[in-house]
PDB file of N, CA and C in Angstrom:
ATOM      1  N   MET A   1      58.788   9.031  24.117  1.00  0.00           N
ATOM      2  CA  MET A   1      58.478  10.287  24.746  1.00  0.00           C
ATOM      3  C   MET A   1      59.208  10.421  26.082  1.00  0.00           C
ATOM      4  N   PHE A   2      59.213   9.345  26.847  1.00  0.00           N
ATOM      5  CA  PHE A   2      59.879   9.364  28.147  1.00  0.00           C
ATOM      6  C   PHE A   2      61.369   9.620  27.985  1.00  0.00           C
ATOM      7  N   VAL A   3      61.981   9.013  26.978  1.00  0.00           N
ATOM      8  CA  VAL A   3      63.419   9.178  26.758  1.00  0.00           C
ATOM      9  C   VAL A   3      63.734  10.629  26.382  1.00  0.00           C
ATOM     10  N   VAL A   4      62.925  11.219  25.534  1.00  0.00           N
ATOM     11  CA  VAL A   4      63.134  12.609  25.131  1.00  0.00           C
ATOM     12  C   VAL A   4      63.011  13.532  26.347  1.00  0.00           C
ATOM     13  N   LEU A   5      62.015  13.284  27.169  1.00  0.00           N
ATOM     14  CA  LEU A   5      61.833  14.081  28.374  1.00  0.00           C
ATOM     15  C   LEU A   5      63.012  13.919  29.329  1.00  0.00           C
ATOM     16  N   LEU A   6      63.480  12.705  29.475  1.00  0.00           N
ATOM     17  CA  LEU A   6      64.629  12.445  30.347  1.00  0.00           C
ATOM     18  C   LEU A   6      65.883  13.151  29.837  1.00  0.00           C
ATOM     19  N   VAL A   7      66.132  13.097  28.542  1.00  0.00           N
ATOM     20  CA  VAL A   7      67.298  13.771  27.952  1.00  0.00           C
ATOM     21  C   VAL A   7      67.186  15.281  28.150  1.00  0.00           C
ATOM     22  N   LEU A   8      65.992  15.822  27.955  1.00  0.00           N
ATOM     23  CA  LEU A   8      65.788  17.260  28.135  1.00  0.00           C
ATOM     24  C   LEU A   8      66.049  17.678  29.585  1.00  0.00           C
ATOM     25  N   ILE A   9      65.599  16.885  30.517  1.00  0.00           N
ATOM     26  CA  ILE A   9      65.832  17.197  31.929  1.00  0.00           C
ATOM     27  C   ILE A   9      67.320  17.152  32.247  1.00  0.00           C
ATOM     28  N   VAL A  10      68.038  16.149  31.724  1.00  0.00           N
ATOM     29  CA  VAL A  10      69.486  16.045  31.957  1.00  0.00           C
ATOM     30  C   VAL A  10      70.211  17.247  31.347  1.00  0.00           C
ATOM     31  N   VAL A  11      69.813  17.652  30.148  1.00  0.00           N
ATOM     32  CA  VAL A  11      70.440  18.808  29.502  1.00  0.00           C
ATOM     33  C   VAL A  11      70.191  20.070  30.329  1.00  0.00           C
ATOM     34  N   LEU A  12      68.964  20.256  30.774  1.00  0.00           N
ATOM     35  CA  LEU A  12      68.661  21.429  31.591  1.00  0.00           C
ATOM     36  C   LEU A  12      69.442  21.412  32.901  1.00  0.00           C
ATOM     37  N   PHE A  13      69.587  20.228  33.487  1.00  0.00           N
ATOM     38  CA  PHE A  13      70.377  20.122  34.712  1.00  0.00           C
ATOM     39  C   PHE A  13      71.837  20.484  34.438  1.00  0.00           C
ATOM     40  N   GLY A  14      72.365  20.012  33.317  1.00  0.00           N
ATOM     41  CA  GLY A  14      73.744  20.352  32.949  1.00  0.00           C
ATOM     42  C   GLY A  14      73.922  21.844  32.701  1.00  0.00           C
ATOM     43  N   LEU A  15      72.948  22.464  32.058  1.00  0.00           N
ATOM     44  CA  LEU A  15      73.020  23.907  31.826  1.00  0.00           C
ATOM     45  C   LEU A  15      72.888  24.690  33.133  1.00  0.00           C
ATOM     46  N   GLY A  16      72.378  24.047  34.161  1.00  0.00           N
ATOM     47  CA  GLY A  16      72.242  24.699  35.453  1.00  0.00           C
ATOM     48  C   GLY A  16      73.570  25.102  36.062  1.00  0.00           C
ATOM     49  N   PHE A  17      74.661  24.465  35.647  1.00  0.00           N
ATOM     50  CA  PHE A  17      75.976  24.867  36.151  1.00  0.00           C
ATOM     51  C   PHE A  17      76.380  26.218  35.565  1.00  0.00           C
ATOM     52  N   LEU A  18      75.811  26.580  34.410  1.00  0.00           N
ATOM     53  CA  LEU A  18      76.087  27.896  33.827  1.00  0.00           C
ATOM     54  C   LEU A  18      75.154  28.964  34.403  1.00  0.00           C
ATOM     55  N   ASN A  19      73.894  28.603  34.562  1.00  0.00           N
ATOM     56  CA  ASN A  19      72.906  29.544  35.085  1.00  0.00           C
ATOM     57  C   ASN A  19      71.915  28.751  35.936  1.00  0.00           C
ATOM     58  N   PRO A  20      71.801  29.045  37.226  1.00  0.00           N
ATOM     59  CA  PRO A  20      70.915  28.276  38.114  1.00  0.00           C
ATOM     60  C   PRO A  20      69.444  28.294  37.707  1.00  0.00           C
ATOM     61  N   LEU A  21      69.065  29.214  36.846  1.00  0.00           N
ATOM     62  CA  LEU A  21      67.689  29.249  36.378  1.00  0.00           C
ATOM     63  C   LEU A  21      67.327  27.967  35.622  1.00  0.00           C
ATOM     64  N   TRP A  22      68.307  27.341  34.976  1.00  0.00           N
ATOM     65  CA  TRP A  22      68.055  26.088  34.249  1.00  0.00           C
ATOM     66  C   TRP A  22      67.730  24.948  35.223  1.00  0.00           C
ATOM     67  N   TRP A  23      68.311  24.997  36.428  1.00  0.00           N
ATOM     68  CA  TRP A  23      67.960  23.974  37.430  1.00  0.00           C
ATOM     69  C   TRP A  23      66.494  24.098  37.830  1.00  0.00           C
ATOM     70  N   VAL A  24      66.050  25.310  37.939  1.00  0.00           N
ATOM     71  CA  VAL A  24      64.632  25.527  38.271  1.00  0.00           C
ATOM     72  C   VAL A  24      63.753  24.979  37.147  1.00  0.00           C
ATOM     73  N   ALA A  25      64.146  25.233  35.912  1.00  0.00           N
ATOM     74  CA  ALA A  25      63.374  24.714  34.773  1.00  0.00           C
ATOM     75  C   ALA A  25      63.354  23.188  34.771  1.00  0.00           C
ATOM     76  N   ALA A  26      64.499  22.582  35.074  1.00  0.00           N
ATOM     77  CA  ALA A  26      64.558  21.113  35.129  1.00  0.00           C
ATOM     78  C   ALA A  26      63.680  20.582  36.253  1.00  0.00           C
ATOM     79  N   ALA A  27      63.703  21.244  37.409  1.00  0.00           N
ATOM     80  CA  ALA A  27      62.883  20.799  38.538  1.00  0.00           C
ATOM     81  C   ALA A  27      61.393  20.922  38.208  1.00  0.00           C
ATOM     82  N   VAL A  28      61.024  22.005  37.527  1.00  0.00           N
ATOM     83  CA  VAL A  28      59.625  22.183  37.135  1.00  0.00           C
ATOM     84  C   VAL A  28      59.201  21.088  36.154  1.00  0.00           C
ATOM     85  N   MET A  29      60.090  20.751  35.236  1.00  0.00           N
ATOM     86  CA  MET A  29      59.759  19.683  34.274  1.00  0.00           C
ATOM     87  C   MET A  29      59.620  18.336  34.967  1.00  0.00           C
ATOM     88  N   VAL A  30      60.501  18.035  35.918  1.00  0.00           N
ATOM     89  CA  VAL A  30      60.400  16.769  36.653  1.00  0.00           C
ATOM     90  C   VAL A  30      59.088  16.728  37.429  1.00  0.00           C
ATOM     91  N   PHE A  31      58.782  17.812  38.110  1.00  0.00           N
ATOM     92  CA  PHE A  31      57.534  17.867  38.872  1.00  0.00           C
ATOM     93  C   PHE A  31      56.319  17.710  37.948  1.00  0.00           C
ATOM     94  N   GLY A  32      56.320  18.430  36.845  1.00  0.00           N
ATOM     95  CA  GLY A  32      55.201  18.342  35.910  1.00  0.00           C
ATOM     96  C   GLY A  32      55.045  16.961  35.305  1.00  0.00           C
ATOM     97  N   ALA A  33      56.162  16.330  34.967  1.00  0.00           N
ATOM     98  CA  ALA A  33      56.092  14.998  34.352  1.00  0.00           C
ATOM     99  C   ALA A  33      55.595  13.956  35.344  1.00  0.00           C
ATOM    100  N   THR A  34      56.052  14.039  36.589  1.00  0.00           N
ATOM    101  CA  THR A  34      55.630  13.031  37.565  1.00  0.00           C
ATOM    102  C   THR A  34      54.182  13.215  37.970  1.00  0.00           C
ATOM    103  N   THR A  35      53.723  14.440  38.121  1.00  0.00           N
ATOM    104  CA  THR A  35      52.325  14.627  38.507  1.00  0.00           C
ATOM    105  C   THR A  35      51.393  14.321  37.346  1.00  0.00           C
ATOM    106  N   ARG A  36      51.784  14.635  36.127  1.00  0.00           N
ATOM    107  CA  ARG A  36      50.938  14.327  34.973  1.00  0.00           C
ATOM    108  C   ARG A  36      50.802  12.825  34.801  1.00  0.00           C
ATOM    109  N   HIS A  37      51.918  12.117  34.892  1.00  0.00           N
ATOM    110  CA  HIS A  37      51.860  10.661  34.767  1.00  0.00           C
ATOM    111  C   HIS A  37      51.111  10.054  35.939  1.00  0.00           C
ATOM    112  N   GLY A  38      51.254  10.633  37.098  1.00  0.00           N
ATOM    113  CA  GLY A  38      50.554  10.117  38.271  1.00  0.00           C
ATOM    114  C   GLY A  38      49.054  10.223  38.140  1.00  0.00           C
ATOM    115  N   ARG A  39      48.562  11.294  37.555  1.00  0.00           N
ATOM    116  CA  ARG A  39      47.121  11.452  37.398  1.00  0.00           C
ATOM    117  C   ARG A  39      46.571  10.579  36.280  1.00  0.00           C
ATOM    118  N   ASP A  40      47.345  10.422  35.220  1.00  0.00           N
ATOM    119  CA  ASP A  40      46.844   9.667  34.071  1.00  0.00           C
ATOM    120  C   ASP A  40      46.785   8.169  34.328  1.00  0.00           C
ATOM    121  N   ARG A  41      47.828   7.633  34.957  1.00  0.00           N
ATOM    122  CA  ARG A  41      47.916   6.182  35.036  1.00  0.00           C
ATOM    123  C   ARG A  41      48.019   5.645  36.453  1.00  0.00           C
ATOM    124  N   GLY A  42      47.752   6.441  37.439  1.00  0.00           N
ATOM    125  CA  GLY A  42      47.740   5.931  38.799  1.00  0.00           C
ATOM    126  C   GLY A  42      49.112   5.789  39.408  1.00  0.00           C
ATOM    127  N   GLY A  43      50.137   6.386  38.844  1.00  0.00           N
ATOM    128  CA  GLY A  43      51.469   6.299  39.416  1.00  0.00           C
ATOM    129  C   GLY A  43      52.428   7.177  38.659  1.00  0.00           C
ATOM    130  N   GLY A  44      53.593   7.359  39.198  1.00  0.00           N
ATOM    131  CA  GLY A  44      54.604   8.164  38.536  1.00  0.00           C
ATOM    132  C   GLY A  44      55.422   7.306  37.596  1.00  0.00           C
ATOM    133  N   TRP A  45      56.673   7.657  37.447  1.00  0.00           N
ATOM    134  CA  TRP A  45      57.533   6.893  36.545  1.00  0.00           C
ATOM    135  C   TRP A  45      57.813   5.502  37.087  1.00  0.00           C
ATOM    136  N   ILE A  46      57.731   5.340  38.371  1.00  0.00           N
ATOM    137  CA  ILE A  46      58.021   4.031  38.952  1.00  0.00           C
ATOM    138  C   ILE A  46      56.984   3.019  38.489  1.00  0.00           C
ATOM    139  N   ARG A  47      55.714   3.451  38.470  1.00  0.00           N
ATOM    140  CA  ARG A  47      54.649   2.541  38.056  1.00  0.00           C
ATOM    141  C   ARG A  47      54.119   2.923  36.687  1.00  0.00           C
ATOM    142  N   GLY A  48      54.966   3.439  35.828  1.00  0.00           N
ATOM    143  CA  GLY A  48      54.530   3.926  34.532  1.00  0.00           C
ATOM    144  C   GLY A  48      53.999   2.858  33.600  1.00  0.00           C
ATOM    145  N   ASP A  49      54.385   1.590  33.815  1.00  0.00           N
ATOM    146  CA  ASP A  49      53.912   0.541  32.908  1.00  0.00           C
ATOM    147  C   ASP A  49      52.523   0.051  33.273  1.00  0.00           C
ATOM    148  N   GLY A  50      51.995   0.476  34.408  1.00  0.00           N
ATOM    149  CA  GLY A  50      50.653   0.074  34.811  1.00  0.00           C
ATOM    150  C   GLY A  50      50.562  -1.370  35.240  1.00  0.00           C
ATOM    151  N   SER A  51      51.667  -1.966  35.682  1.00  0.00           N
ATOM    152  CA  SER A  51      51.678  -3.389  36.003  1.00  0.00           C
ATOM    153  C   SER A  51      50.769  -3.719  37.172  1.00  0.00           C
ATOM    154  N   ASP A  52      50.675  -2.830  38.154  1.00  0.00           N
ATOM    155  CA  ASP A  52      49.837  -3.125  39.302  1.00  0.00           C
ATOM    156  C   ASP A  52      48.373  -2.795  39.051  1.00  0.00           C
ATOM    157  N   LEU A  53      48.079  -2.049  38.002  1.00  0.00           N
ATOM    158  CA  LEU A  53      46.693  -1.686  37.731  1.00  0.00           C
ATOM    159  C   LEU A  53      45.888  -2.870  37.225  1.00  0.00           C
ATOM    160  N   GLY A  54      46.522  -3.779  36.529  1.00  0.00           N
ATOM    161  CA  GLY A  54      45.818  -4.962  36.048  1.00  0.00           C
ATOM    162  C   GLY A  54      45.308  -5.818  37.183  1.00  0.00           C
ATOM    163  N   ASP A  55      46.103  -5.934  38.243  1.00  0.00           N
ATOM    164  CA  ASP A  55      45.673  -6.710  39.398  1.00  0.00           C
ATOM    165  C   ASP A  55      44.461  -6.074  40.057  1.00  0.00           C
ATOM    166  N   ASP A  56      44.452  -4.750  40.136  1.00  0.00           N
ATOM    167  CA  ASP A  56      43.309  -4.052  40.719  1.00  0.00           C
ATOM    168  C   ASP A  56      42.057  -4.264  39.882  1.00  0.00           C
ATOM    169  N   ARG A  57      42.210  -4.178  38.570  1.00  0.00           N
ATOM    170  CA  ARG A  57      41.039  -4.386  37.702  1.00  0.00           C
ATOM    171  C   ARG A  57      40.526  -5.816  37.804  1.00  0.00           C
ATOM    172  N   ASP A  58      41.438  -6.780  37.858  1.00  0.00           N
ATOM    173  CA  ASP A  58      41.019  -8.170  38.011  1.00  0.00           C
ATOM    174  C   ASP A  58      40.268  -8.364  39.321  1.00  0.00           C
ATOM    175  N   HIS A  59      40.800  -7.739  40.378  1.00  0.00           N
ATOM    176  CA  HIS A  59      40.142  -7.854  41.684  1.00  0.00           C
ATOM    177  C   HIS A  59      38.750  -7.230  41.643  1.00  0.00           C
ATOM    178  N   GLU A  60      38.631  -6.052  41.023  1.00  0.00           N
ATOM    179  CA  GLU A  60      37.320  -5.403  40.932  1.00  0.00           C
ATOM    180  C   GLU A  60      36.346  -6.237  40.112  1.00  0.00           C
ATOM    181  N   ASN A  61      36.817  -6.796  39.006  1.00  0.00           N
ATOM    182  CA  ASN A  61      35.944  -7.638  38.174  1.00  0.00           C
ATOM    183  C   ASN A  61      35.476  -8.864  38.943  1.00  0.00           C
ATOM    184  N   ARG A  62      36.390  -9.495  39.660  1.00  0.00           N
ATOM    185  CA  ARG A  62      36.015 -10.678  40.433  1.00  0.00           C
ATOM    186  C   ARG A  62      35.027 -10.307  41.530  1.00  0.00           C
ATOM    187  N   ARG A  63      35.265  -9.181  42.204  1.00  0.00           N
ATOM    188  CA  ARG A  63      34.362  -8.735  43.257  1.00  0.00           C
ATOM    189  C   ARG A  63      32.976  -8.428  42.695  1.00  0.00           C
ATOM    190  N   ASP A  64      32.930  -7.803  41.520  1.00  0.00           N
ATOM    191  CA  ASP A  64      31.636  -7.507  40.908  1.00  0.00           C
ATOM    192  C   ASP A  64      30.898  -8.774  40.525  1.00  0.00           C
ATOM    193  N   ARG A  65      31.626  -9.732  39.948  1.00  0.00           N
ATOM    194  CA  ARG A  65      30.985 -11.004  39.600  1.00  0.00           C
ATOM    195  C   ARG A  65      30.469 -11.722  40.850  1.00  0.00           C
ATOM    196  N   GLN A  66      31.257 -11.692  41.925  1.00  0.00           N
ATOM    197  CA  GLN A  66      30.834 -12.330  43.168  1.00  0.00           C
ATOM    198  C   GLN A  66      29.598 -11.649  43.743  1.00  0.00           C
ATOM    199  N   ASP A  67      29.564 -10.325  43.684  1.00  0.00           N
ATOM    200  CA  ASP A  67      28.387  -9.598  44.176  1.00  0.00           C
ATOM    201  C   ASP A  67      27.144  -9.941  43.366  1.00  0.00           C
ATOM    202  N   ARG A  68      27.286  -9.999  42.035  1.00  0.00           N
ATOM    203  CA  ARG A  68      26.139 -10.365  41.200  1.00  0.00           C
ATOM    204  C   ARG A  68      25.666 -11.776  41.528  1.00  0.00           C
ATOM    205  N   TRP A  69      26.598 -12.688  41.700  1.00  0.00           N
ATOM    206  CA  TRP A  69      26.241 -14.064  42.009  1.00  0.00           C
ATOM    207  C   TRP A  69      25.531 -14.128  43.351  1.00  0.00           C
ATOM    208  N   ASN A  70      26.056 -13.412  44.340  1.00  0.00           N
ATOM    209  CA  ASN A  70      25.429 -13.416  45.663  1.00  0.00           C
ATOM    210  C   ASN A  70      24.019 -12.839  45.607  1.00  0.00           C
ATOM    211  N   ARG A  71      23.847 -11.732  44.871  1.00  0.00           N
ATOM    212  CA  ARG A  71      22.511 -11.148  44.771  1.00  0.00           C
ATOM    213  C   ARG A  71      21.546 -12.100  44.077  1.00  0.00           C
ATOM    214  N   ARG A  72      21.998 -12.709  42.995  1.00  0.00           N
ATOM    215  CA  ARG A  72      21.132 -13.600  42.226  1.00  0.00           C
ATOM    216  C   ARG A  72      20.702 -14.805  43.054  1.00  0.00           C
ATOM    217  N   TYR A  73      21.664 -15.465  43.650  1.00  0.00           N
ATOM    218  CA  TYR A  73      21.343 -16.714  44.328  1.00  0.00           C
ATOM    219  C   TYR A  73      20.820 -16.514  45.740  1.00  0.00           C
ATOM    220  N   SER A  74      21.134 -15.399  46.352  1.00  0.00           N
ATOM    221  CA  SER A  74      20.563 -15.177  47.679  1.00  0.00           C
ATOM    222  C   SER A  74      19.065 -14.934  47.563  1.00  0.00           C
ATOM    223  N   ARG A  75      18.623 -14.248  46.490  1.00  0.00           N
ATOM    224  CA  ARG A  75      17.189 -14.055  46.285  1.00  0.00           C
ATOM    225  C   ARG A  75      16.489 -15.390  46.053  1.00  0.00           C
ATOM    226  N   GLN A  76      17.075 -16.209  45.215  1.00  0.00           N
ATOM    227  CA  GLN A  76      16.450 -17.502  44.933  1.00  0.00           C
ATOM    228  C   GLN A  76      16.413 -18.353  46.192  1.00  0.00           C
ATOM    229  N   ASN A  77      17.493 -18.357  46.923  1.00  0.00           N
ATOM    230  CA  ASN A  77      17.527 -19.173  48.140  1.00  0.00           C
ATOM    231  C   ASN A  77      16.571 -18.617  49.192  1.00  0.00           C
ATOM    232  N   ARG A  78      16.493 -17.310  49.289  1.00  0.00           N
ATOM    233  CA  ARG A  78      15.601 -16.695  50.264  1.00  0.00           C
ATOM    234  C   ARG A  78      14.164 -17.107  49.970  1.00  0.00           C
ATOM    235  N   THR A  79      13.780 -17.075  48.702  1.00  0.00           N
ATOM    236  CA  THR A  79      12.426 -17.464  48.323  1.00  0.00           C
ATOM    237  C   THR A  79      12.189 -18.943  48.626  1.00  0.00           C
ATOM    238  N   ARG A  80      13.166 -19.761  48.302  1.00  0.00           N
ATOM    239  CA  ARG A  80      13.024 -21.196  48.569  1.00  0.00           C
ATOM    240  C   ARG A  80      12.918 -21.461  50.067  1.00  0.00           C
ATOM    241  N   TRP A  81      13.758 -20.754  50.851  1.00  0.00           N
ATOM    242  CA  TRP A  81      13.715 -20.949  52.302  1.00  0.00           C
ATOM    243  C   TRP A  81      12.391 -20.486  52.883  1.00  0.00           C
ATOM    244  N   GLN A  82      11.859 -19.375  52.387  1.00  0.00           N
ATOM    245  CA  GLN A  82      10.561 -18.907  52.868  1.00  0.00           C
ATOM    246  C   GLN A  82       9.468 -19.904  52.519  1.00  0.00           C
ATOM    247  N   ARG A  83       9.551 -20.458  51.329  1.00  0.00           N
ATOM    248  CA  ARG A  83       8.564 -21.448  50.903  1.00  0.00           C
ATOM    249  C   ARG A  83       8.637 -22.690  51.791  1.00  0.00           C
ATOM    250  N   GLU A  84       9.859 -23.155  52.070  1.00  0.00           N
ATOM    251  CA  GLU A  84      10.019 -24.324  52.937  1.00  0.00           C
ATOM    252  C   GLU A  84       9.554 -24.024  54.361  1.00  0.00           C
ATOM    253  N   ASP A  85       9.818 -22.815  54.839  1.00  0.00           N
ATOM    254  CA  ASP A  85       9.359 -22.445  56.174  1.00  0.00           C
ATOM    255  C   ASP A  85       7.834 -22.434  56.243  1.00  0.00           C
ATOM    256  N   ARG A  86       7.192 -21.925  55.184  1.00  0.00           N
ATOM    257  CA  ARG A  86       5.726 -21.919  55.165  1.00  0.00           C
ATOM    258  C   ARG A  86       5.179 -23.343  55.199  1.00  0.00           C
ATOM    259  N   ARG A  87       5.804 -24.229  54.403  1.00  0.00           N
ATOM    260  CA  ARG A  87       5.351 -25.628  54.390  1.00  0.00           C
ATOM    261  C   ARG A  87       5.511 -26.261  55.771  1.00  0.00           C
ATOM    262  N   ASP A  88       6.664 -26.000  56.401  1.00  0.00           N
ATOM    263  CA  ASP A  88       6.881 -26.557  57.741  1.00  0.00           C
ATOM    264  C   ASP A  88       5.870 -25.993  58.739  1.00  0.00           C
ATOM    265  N   HIS A  89       5.577 -24.709  58.617  1.00  0.00           N
ATOM    266  CA  HIS A  89       4.635 -24.076  59.525  1.00  0.00           C
ATOM    267  C   HIS A  89       3.220 -24.628  59.306  1.00  0.00           C
ATOM    268  N   GLU A  90       2.861 -24.862  58.035  1.00  0.00           N
ATOM    269  CA  GLU A  90       1.542 -25.404  57.726  1.00  0.00           C
ATOM    270  C   GLU A  90       1.415 -26.834  58.229  1.00  0.00           C
ATOM    271  N   ARG A  91       2.481 -27.611  58.171  1.00  0.00           N
ATOM    272  CA  ARG A  91       2.427 -29.002  58.648  1.00  0.00           C
ATOM    273  C   ARG A  91       2.261 -29.056  60.163  1.00  0.00           C
ATOM    274  N   ARG A  92       2.937 -28.132  60.851  1.00  0.00           N
ATOM    275  CA  ARG A  92       2.869 -28.131  62.310  1.00  0.00           C
ATOM    276  C   ARG A  92       1.529 -27.562  62.813  1.00  0.00           C
ATOM    277  N   GLY A  93       1.036 -26.551  62.140  1.00  0.00           N
ATOM    278  CA  GLY A  93      -0.109 -25.824  62.649  1.00  0.00           C
ATOM    279  C   GLY A  93      -1.395 -26.386  62.250  1.00  0.00           C
TER     280      GLY A  93
END
């Protein structure tokens, strides 16, 4: 699909030497293709393969796992620490 679009843009640019209206059509197609790809996959043609998106997803997954782990174990530790504090307070008092 990308190759067909690229060939069409080149043809329209070439026809622009006959009638400048074709240059406008080519510019509109370039603009439309880059903004459409940018919205769909987080980048234009430069990042069309989505190579950097995998790193972001990995980072988000790791962050989510870390948050779940922190929530799970901080509750358990908080309860244990409160229990130990109560025991220490009861021994002293």
